[in-house]
Amino acid sequence: MTISLTRVDPAEMADWTEAEVDHYLMGPFDGEIPGLVRRIRRILDVSQRGLAKMLGISQSQVARWETRRTSPRATVLLEMLRLAGLRLSLHDQETGKEVEPMRDDGGRDRARRRYPAHVDLEVTGWWAPRDAMMTGQGPWWRGRSRKWEVPSVRYHHRRWKRILRDVYGTPVDHPARHQLVAEAFHLDELREERRLRAHAIHPPGTTPIAAHGRLGA
């Protein structure tokens, strides 16, 4: 049977095995943050005052963690784990697969800001101002961006993003800058291949129909 963390009816304990009774009397094991802090102190074999000295904080701060009045900041918690020789890992609740933090070198926009974590990035070519095509400066801007390796990156909104994820799956992370740049160069190669194929099928000075021998003989 499953033993809950709540109080049970003593009559139910009559059918328990000795191991189940011992497990219940030991109390809950999920001590959450207070229990984790105590576990770290036990591994390090230090008092509250000793742990506080290692972290450069007051002993009362450690006491508040262990009595659940406050919780340590994430950076402090990671430092405590490091001191105890422990490593924090996250796992998917359904599959058990380890989930890692997002990469630190993920692509950023031209203002060096990170893209929103929940979006999926797509490279469309080389960057140019929105009004560049209207002023006829689009090719100049794209050539300049290609020289300085500034790709044009966009991300889709919710509805279209869900469709793409259903088809291709959810990307694990945002690509790094060098990956975005490489994708922009790859798009250039694909466009050049299409141009060469079109040139071979329809040589200059001919119409598509004439090139296939359908006009004037």
C-alpha atoms as a PDB file:
ATOM      1  CA  MET A   1       0.000   0.000   0.000  1.00  0.00           C
ATOM      2  CA  THR A   2       0.990   3.609  -0.450  1.00  0.00           C
ATOM      3  CA  ILE A   3       1.781   5.493   2.733  1.00  0.00           C
ATOM      4  CA  SER A   4       0.761   9.133   2.565  1.00  0.00           C
ATOM      5  CA  LEU A   5       2.352  11.963   4.476  1.00  0.00           C
ATOM      6  CA  THR A   6      -0.897  12.716   6.256  1.00  0.00           C
ATOM      7  CA  ARG A   7      -2.077  11.244   9.512  1.00  0.00           C
ATOM      8  CA  VAL A   8      -3.555   7.749   9.163  1.00  0.00           C
ATOM      9  CA  ASP A   9      -6.167   5.778  11.077  1.00  0.00           C
ATOM     10  CA  PRO A  10      -4.399   3.537  13.645  1.00  0.00           C
ATOM     11  CA  ALA A  11      -6.763   0.724  12.659  1.00  0.00           C
ATOM     12  CA  GLU A  12      -5.228   0.709   9.180  1.00  0.00           C
ATOM     13  CA  MET A  13      -1.777   0.126  10.623  1.00  0.00           C
ATOM     14  CA  ALA A  14      -2.885  -3.323  11.861  1.00  0.00           C
ATOM     15  CA  ASP A  15      -2.469  -4.659   8.313  1.00  0.00           C
ATOM     16  CA  TRP A  16       0.888  -2.969   7.662  1.00  0.00           C
ATOM     17  CA  THR A  17       4.121  -4.880   7.432  1.00  0.00           C
ATOM     18  CA  GLU A  18       6.931  -4.090   9.846  1.00  0.00           C
ATOM     19  CA  ALA A  19       8.826  -2.284   7.072  1.00  0.00           C
ATOM     20  CA  GLU A  20       5.802  -0.068   6.305  1.00  0.00           C
ATOM     21  CA  VAL A  21       5.436   0.837   9.974  1.00  0.00           C
ATOM     22  CA  ASP A  22       9.134   1.720  10.244  1.00  0.00           C
ATOM     23  CA  HIS A  23       8.874   3.854   7.081  1.00  0.00           C
ATOM     24  CA  TYR A  24       5.897   5.743   8.490  1.00  0.00           C
ATOM     25  CA  LEU A  25       7.489   6.364  11.867  1.00  0.00           C
ATOM     26  CA  MET A  26      10.602   7.805  10.240  1.00  0.00           C
ATOM     27  CA  GLY A  27       8.454  10.631   8.889  1.00  0.00           C
ATOM     28  CA  PRO A  28       8.292  12.263   5.448  1.00  0.00           C
ATOM     29  CA  PHE A  29      11.453  12.307   3.367  1.00  0.00           C
ATOM     30  CA  ASP A  30      10.508  15.245   1.154  1.00  0.00           C
ATOM     31  CA  GLY A  31      11.964  17.982   3.301  1.00  0.00           C
ATOM     32  CA  GLU A  32      12.010  20.473   0.424  1.00  0.00           C
ATOM     33  CA  ILE A  33      14.353  23.463   0.865  1.00  0.00           C
ATOM     34  CA  PRO A  34      14.671  23.236   4.686  1.00  0.00           C
ATOM     35  CA  GLY A  35      15.525  19.556   4.418  1.00  0.00           C
ATOM     36  CA  LEU A  36      17.968  20.231   1.608  1.00  0.00           C
ATOM     37  CA  VAL A  37      19.796  22.850   3.686  1.00  0.00           C
ATOM     38  CA  ARG A  38      20.020  20.398   6.582  1.00  0.00           C
ATOM     39  CA  ARG A  39      21.284  17.671   4.238  1.00  0.00           C
ATOM     40  CA  ILE A  40      24.019  19.995   2.980  1.00  0.00           C
ATOM     41  CA  ARG A  41      25.026  20.822   6.547  1.00  0.00           C
ATOM     42  CA  ARG A  42      25.169  17.120   7.351  1.00  0.00           C
ATOM     43  CA  ILE A  43      27.366  16.392   4.328  1.00  0.00           C
ATOM     44  CA  LEU A  44      29.678  19.275   5.222  1.00  0.00           C
ATOM     45  CA  ASP A  45      29.516  18.372   8.932  1.00  0.00           C
ATOM     46  CA  VAL A  46      28.964  21.969   9.985  1.00  0.00           C
ATOM     47  CA  SER A  47      26.578  23.833  12.267  1.00  0.00           C
ATOM     48  CA  GLN A  48      24.283  26.600  11.126  1.00  0.00           C
ATOM     49  CA  ARG A  49      26.972  29.043  12.175  1.00  0.00           C
ATOM     50  CA  GLY A  50      29.591  27.089  10.218  1.00  0.00           C
ATOM     51  CA  LEU A  51      27.513  27.055   7.011  1.00  0.00           C
ATOM     52  CA  ALA A  52      26.768  30.754   7.443  1.00  0.00           C
ATOM     53  CA  LYS A  53      30.494  31.500   7.710  1.00  0.00           C
ATOM     54  CA  MET A  54      31.201  29.534   4.523  1.00  0.00           C
ATOM     55  CA  LEU A  55      28.543  31.525   2.673  1.00  0.00           C
ATOM     56  CA  GLY A  56      29.400  34.885   4.199  1.00  0.00           C
ATOM     57  CA  ILE A  57      25.966  35.378   5.770  1.00  0.00           C
ATOM     58  CA  SER A  58      24.508  35.410   9.277  1.00  0.00           C
ATOM     59  CA  GLN A  59      23.586  32.325  11.271  1.00  0.00           C
ATOM     60  CA  SER A  60      20.031  33.642  11.640  1.00  0.00           C
ATOM     61  CA  GLN A  61      19.652  33.552   7.854  1.00  0.00           C
ATOM     62  CA  VAL A  62      20.396  29.818   7.779  1.00  0.00           C
ATOM     63  CA  ALA A  63      17.961  29.320  10.657  1.00  0.00           C
ATOM     64  CA  ARG A  64      15.211  31.076   8.710  1.00  0.00           C
ATOM     65  CA  TRP A  65      15.831  28.755   5.750  1.00  0.00           C
ATOM     66  CA  GLU A  66      15.501  25.678   7.939  1.00  0.00           C
ATOM     67  CA  THR A  67      12.302  26.902   9.560  1.00  0.00           C
ATOM     68  CA  ARG A  68      10.769  27.752   6.172  1.00  0.00           C
ATOM     69  CA  ARG A  69      10.420  31.455   6.982  1.00  0.00           C
ATOM     70  CA  THR A  70      12.527  32.357   3.936  1.00  0.00           C
ATOM     71  CA  SER A  71      14.291  30.506   1.124  1.00  0.00           C
ATOM     72  CA  PRO A  72      17.818  30.961  -0.221  1.00  0.00           C
ATOM     73  CA  ARG A  73      18.310  32.693  -3.545  1.00  0.00           C
ATOM     74  CA  ALA A  74      19.051  30.394  -6.454  1.00  0.00           C
ATOM     75  CA  THR A  75      22.673  31.564  -6.632  1.00  0.00           C
ATOM     76  CA  VAL A  76      23.176  30.849  -2.930  1.00  0.00           C
ATOM     77  CA  LEU A  77      21.548  27.435  -3.269  1.00  0.00           C
ATOM     78  CA  LEU A  78      23.866  26.546  -6.144  1.00  0.00           C
ATOM     79  CA  GLU A  79      26.867  27.668  -4.079  1.00  0.00           C
ATOM     80  CA  MET A  80      25.780  25.433  -1.192  1.00  0.00           C
ATOM     81  CA  LEU A  81      25.430  22.480  -3.554  1.00  0.00           C
ATOM     82  CA  ARG A  82      28.893  23.166  -4.958  1.00  0.00           C
ATOM     83  CA  LEU A  83      30.391  23.248  -1.465  1.00  0.00           C
ATOM     84  CA  ALA A  84      28.756  19.901  -0.665  1.00  0.00           C
ATOM     85  CA  GLY A  85      29.955  18.332  -3.912  1.00  0.00           C
ATOM     86  CA  LEU A  86      26.412  18.027  -5.250  1.00  0.00           C
ATOM     87  CA  ARG A  87      25.006  18.883  -8.669  1.00  0.00           C
ATOM     88  CA  LEU A  88      21.498  20.124  -9.346  1.00  0.00           C
ATOM     89  CA  SER A  89      19.673  18.500 -12.258  1.00  0.00           C
ATOM     90  CA  LEU A  90      16.150  18.848 -13.637  1.00  0.00           C
ATOM     91  CA  HIS A  91      14.219  15.930 -15.108  1.00  0.00           C
ATOM     92  CA  ASP A  92      11.077  15.688 -17.182  1.00  0.00           C
ATOM     93  CA  GLN A  93       8.313  14.385 -14.951  1.00  0.00           C
ATOM     94  CA  GLU A  94       6.942  12.014 -17.598  1.00  0.00           C
ATOM     95  CA  THR A  95      10.057  10.707 -19.347  1.00  0.00           C
ATOM     96  CA  GLY A  96      12.673  11.183 -16.644  1.00  0.00           C
ATOM     97  CA  LYS A  97      14.994  12.758 -19.222  1.00  0.00           C
ATOM     98  CA  GLU A  98      17.366  15.395 -17.883  1.00  0.00           C
ATOM     99  CA  VAL A  99      16.509  18.966 -18.895  1.00  0.00           C
ATOM    100  CA  GLU A 100      19.406  21.388 -19.195  1.00  0.00           C
ATOM    101  CA  PRO A 101      19.302  25.203 -18.883  1.00  0.00           C
ATOM    102  CA  MET A 102      19.119  27.196 -22.109  1.00  0.00           C
ATOM    103  CA  ARG A 103      22.494  27.900 -23.669  1.00  0.00           C
ATOM    104  CA  ASP A 104      24.236  31.128 -22.713  1.00  0.00           C
ATOM    105  CA  ASP A 105      25.520  31.846 -26.229  1.00  0.00           C
ATOM    106  CA  GLY A 106      22.091  31.820 -27.895  1.00  0.00           C
ATOM    107  CA  GLY A 107      21.532  34.297 -30.720  1.00  0.00           C
ATOM    108  CA  ARG A 108      20.734  37.916 -29.919  1.00  0.00           C
ATOM    109  CA  ASP A 109      19.192  40.760 -31.879  1.00  0.00           C
ATOM    110  CA  ARG A 110      21.140  43.741 -33.251  1.00  0.00           C
ATOM    111  CA  ALA A 111      20.784  45.533 -29.909  1.00  0.00           C
ATOM    112  CA  ARG A 112      22.463  42.538 -28.191  1.00  0.00           C
ATOM    113  CA  ARG A 113      19.229  41.588 -26.451  1.00  0.00           C
ATOM    114  CA  ARG A 114      18.253  37.950 -26.031  1.00  0.00           C
ATOM    115  CA  TYR A 115      15.295  36.772 -28.061  1.00  0.00           C
ATOM    116  CA  PRO A 116      12.232  35.763 -25.988  1.00  0.00           C
ATOM    117  CA  ALA A 117      12.888  32.296 -24.574  1.00  0.00           C
ATOM    118  CA  HIS A 118       9.526  30.866 -25.699  1.00  0.00           C
ATOM    119  CA  VAL A 119       9.868  31.703 -29.426  1.00  0.00           C
ATOM    120  CA  ASP A 120      11.477  29.707 -32.261  1.00  0.00           C
ATOM    121  CA  LEU A 121      13.949  31.595 -34.450  1.00  0.00           C
ATOM    122  CA  GLU A 122      14.087  31.488 -38.246  1.00  0.00           C
ATOM    123  CA  VAL A 123      16.778  32.999 -40.487  1.00  0.00           C
ATOM    124  CA  THR A 124      15.376  34.666 -43.615  1.00  0.00           C
ATOM    125  CA  GLY A 125      18.588  36.041 -45.140  1.00  0.00           C
ATOM    126  CA  TRP A 126      20.675  39.136 -44.432  1.00  0.00           C
ATOM    127  CA  TRP A 127      19.328  42.066 -42.465  1.00  0.00           C
ATOM    128  CA  ALA A 128      18.038  45.230 -44.127  1.00  0.00           C
ATOM    129  CA  PRO A 129      15.793  48.048 -42.837  1.00  0.00           C
ATOM    130  CA  ARG A 130      12.094  47.558 -43.500  1.00  0.00           C
ATOM    131  CA  ASP A 131      11.916  50.520 -45.894  1.00  0.00           C
ATOM    132  CA  ALA A 132      15.078  49.520 -47.808  1.00  0.00           C
ATOM    133  CA  MET A 133      13.140  47.961 -50.692  1.00  0.00           C
ATOM    134  CA  MET A 134      11.031  51.098 -51.109  1.00  0.00           C
ATOM    135  CA  THR A 135      14.145  53.248 -51.413  1.00  0.00           C
ATOM    136  CA  GLY A 136      15.965  50.792 -53.671  1.00  0.00           C
ATOM    137  CA  GLN A 137      18.707  50.229 -51.090  1.00  0.00           C
ATOM    138  CA  GLY A 138      17.770  46.644 -50.240  1.00  0.00           C
ATOM    139  CA  PRO A 139      20.671  44.993 -52.143  1.00  0.00           C
ATOM    140  CA  TRP A 140      23.171  47.468 -50.676  1.00  0.00           C
ATOM    141  CA  TRP A 141      22.005  46.800 -47.124  1.00  0.00           C
ATOM    142  CA  ARG A 142      21.983  43.027 -47.591  1.00  0.00           C
ATOM    143  CA  GLY A 143      25.499  43.155 -49.038  1.00  0.00           C
ATOM    144  CA  ARG A 144      26.649  45.226 -46.074  1.00  0.00           C
ATOM    145  CA  SER A 145      24.991  42.844 -43.601  1.00  0.00           C
ATOM    146  CA  ARG A 146      26.552  39.854 -45.360  1.00  0.00           C
ATOM    147  CA  LYS A 147      29.998  41.451 -45.027  1.00  0.00           C
ATOM    148  CA  TRP A 148      29.471  42.086 -41.313  1.00  0.00           C
ATOM    149  CA  GLU A 149      27.578  38.793 -40.826  1.00  0.00           C
ATOM    150  CA  VAL A 150      24.320  40.257 -39.554  1.00  0.00           C
ATOM    151  CA  PRO A 151      21.552  37.759 -40.405  1.00  0.00           C
ATOM    152  CA  SER A 152      17.874  38.632 -40.592  1.00  0.00           C
ATOM    153  CA  VAL A 153      16.081  36.648 -37.888  1.00  0.00           C
ATOM    154  CA  ARG A 154      12.366  36.484 -37.242  1.00  0.00           C
ATOM    155  CA  TYR A 155      10.093  34.446 -35.010  1.00  0.00           C
ATOM    156  CA  HIS A 156       6.508  33.384 -35.488  1.00  0.00           C
ATOM    157  CA  HIS A 157       3.579  34.176 -33.262  1.00  0.00           C
ATOM    158  CA  ARG A 158       1.618  31.608 -31.323  1.00  0.00           C
ATOM    159  CA  ARG A 159      -0.655  30.070 -33.957  1.00  0.00           C
ATOM    160  CA  TRP A 160       1.929  29.579 -36.704  1.00  0.00           C
ATOM    161  CA  LYS A 161       4.538  28.507 -34.162  1.00  0.00           C
ATOM    162  CA  ARG A 162       2.277  25.693 -32.970  1.00  0.00           C
ATOM    163  CA  ILE A 163       1.758  24.490 -36.528  1.00  0.00           C
ATOM    164  CA  LEU A 164       5.514  24.395 -37.192  1.00  0.00           C
ATOM    165  CA  ARG A 165       6.167  22.591 -33.916  1.00  0.00           C
ATOM    166  CA  ASP A 166       3.535  19.977 -34.767  1.00  0.00           C
ATOM    167  CA  VAL A 167       5.318  19.354 -38.077  1.00  0.00           C
ATOM    168  CA  TYR A 168       9.002  19.683 -37.155  1.00  0.00           C
ATOM    169  CA  GLY A 169       8.952  19.323 -33.361  1.00  0.00           C
ATOM    170  CA  THR A 170      10.026  21.831 -30.717  1.00  0.00           C
ATOM    171  CA  PRO A 171      13.624  23.081 -31.030  1.00  0.00           C
ATOM    172  CA  VAL A 172      15.696  22.290 -27.970  1.00  0.00           C
ATOM    173  CA  ASP A 173      17.254  25.750 -27.809  1.00  0.00           C
ATOM    174  CA  HIS A 174      17.952  28.976 -29.662  1.00  0.00           C
ATOM    175  CA  PRO A 175      20.824  28.636 -32.152  1.00  0.00           C
ATOM    176  CA  ALA A 176      24.096  30.370 -31.345  1.00  0.00           C
ATOM    177  CA  ARG A 177      25.090  33.425 -33.386  1.00  0.00           C
ATOM    178  CA  HIS A 178      27.555  31.506 -35.557  1.00  0.00           C
ATOM    179  CA  GLN A 179      24.791  29.002 -36.374  1.00  0.00           C
ATOM    180  CA  LEU A 180      22.434  31.794 -37.443  1.00  0.00           C
ATOM    181  CA  VAL A 181      25.165  33.269 -39.639  1.00  0.00           C
ATOM    182  CA  ALA A 182      25.888  29.850 -41.168  1.00  0.00           C
ATOM    183  CA  GLU A 183      22.189  29.445 -41.974  1.00  0.00           C
ATOM    184  CA  ALA A 184      22.156  32.817 -43.761  1.00  0.00           C
ATOM    185  CA  PHE A 185      25.144  31.761 -45.905  1.00  0.00           C
ATOM    186  CA  HIS A 186      23.395  28.451 -46.610  1.00  0.00           C
ATOM    187  CA  LEU A 187      20.341  30.332 -47.866  1.00  0.00           C
ATOM    188  CA  ASP A 188      22.635  32.256 -50.225  1.00  0.00           C
ATOM    189  CA  GLU A 189      23.928  28.958 -51.591  1.00  0.00           C
ATOM    190  CA  LEU A 190      20.397  27.651 -52.130  1.00  0.00           C
ATOM    191  CA  ARG A 191      19.393  30.829 -53.963  1.00  0.00           C
ATOM    192  CA  GLU A 192      22.491  30.578 -56.192  1.00  0.00           C
ATOM    193  CA  GLU A 193      21.680  26.945 -56.998  1.00  0.00           C
ATOM    194  CA  ARG A 194      18.139  27.906 -57.995  1.00  0.00           C
ATOM    195  CA  ARG A 195      19.476  30.738 -60.154  1.00  0.00           C
ATOM    196  CA  LEU A 196      21.885  28.424 -61.958  1.00  0.00           C
ATOM    197  CA  ARG A 197      19.184  25.837 -62.565  1.00  0.00           C
ATOM    198  CA  ALA A 198      16.866  28.489 -63.951  1.00  0.00           C
ATOM    199  CA  HIS A 199      19.700  29.816 -66.155  1.00  0.00           C
ATOM    200  CA  ALA A 200      20.321  26.330 -67.533  1.00  0.00           C
ATOM    201  CA  ILE A 201      16.662  25.730 -68.303  1.00  0.00           C
ATOM    202  CA  HIS A 202      15.949  29.210 -69.655  1.00  0.00           C
ATOM    203  CA  PRO A 203      19.146  30.712 -71.183  1.00  0.00           C
ATOM    204  CA  PRO A 204      19.257  34.527 -71.498  1.00  0.00           C
ATOM    205  CA  GLY A 205      17.481  35.854 -74.572  1.00  0.00           C
ATOM    206  CA  THR A 206      14.895  33.072 -74.712  1.00  0.00           C
ATOM    207  CA  THR A 207      11.417  32.751 -73.358  1.00  0.00           C
ATOM    208  CA  PRO A 208      10.465  29.724 -71.301  1.00  0.00           C
ATOM    209  CA  ILE A 209       8.358  28.369 -74.153  1.00  0.00           C
ATOM    210  CA  ALA A 210      11.021  28.995 -76.826  1.00  0.00           C
ATOM    211  CA  ALA A 211      13.647  27.295 -74.683  1.00  0.00           C
ATOM    212  CA  HIS A 212      11.602  24.096 -74.849  1.00  0.00           C
ATOM    213  CA  GLY A 213      11.204  24.294 -78.639  1.00  0.00           C
ATOM    214  CA  ARG A 214       7.558  25.267 -78.642  1.00  0.00           C
ATOM    215  CA  LEU A 215       7.934  28.449 -80.665  1.00  0.00           C
ATOM    216  CA  GLY A 216       8.788  29.114 -84.318  1.00  0.00           C
ATOM    217  CA  ALA A 217      10.791  26.508 -86.180  1.00  0.00           C
END
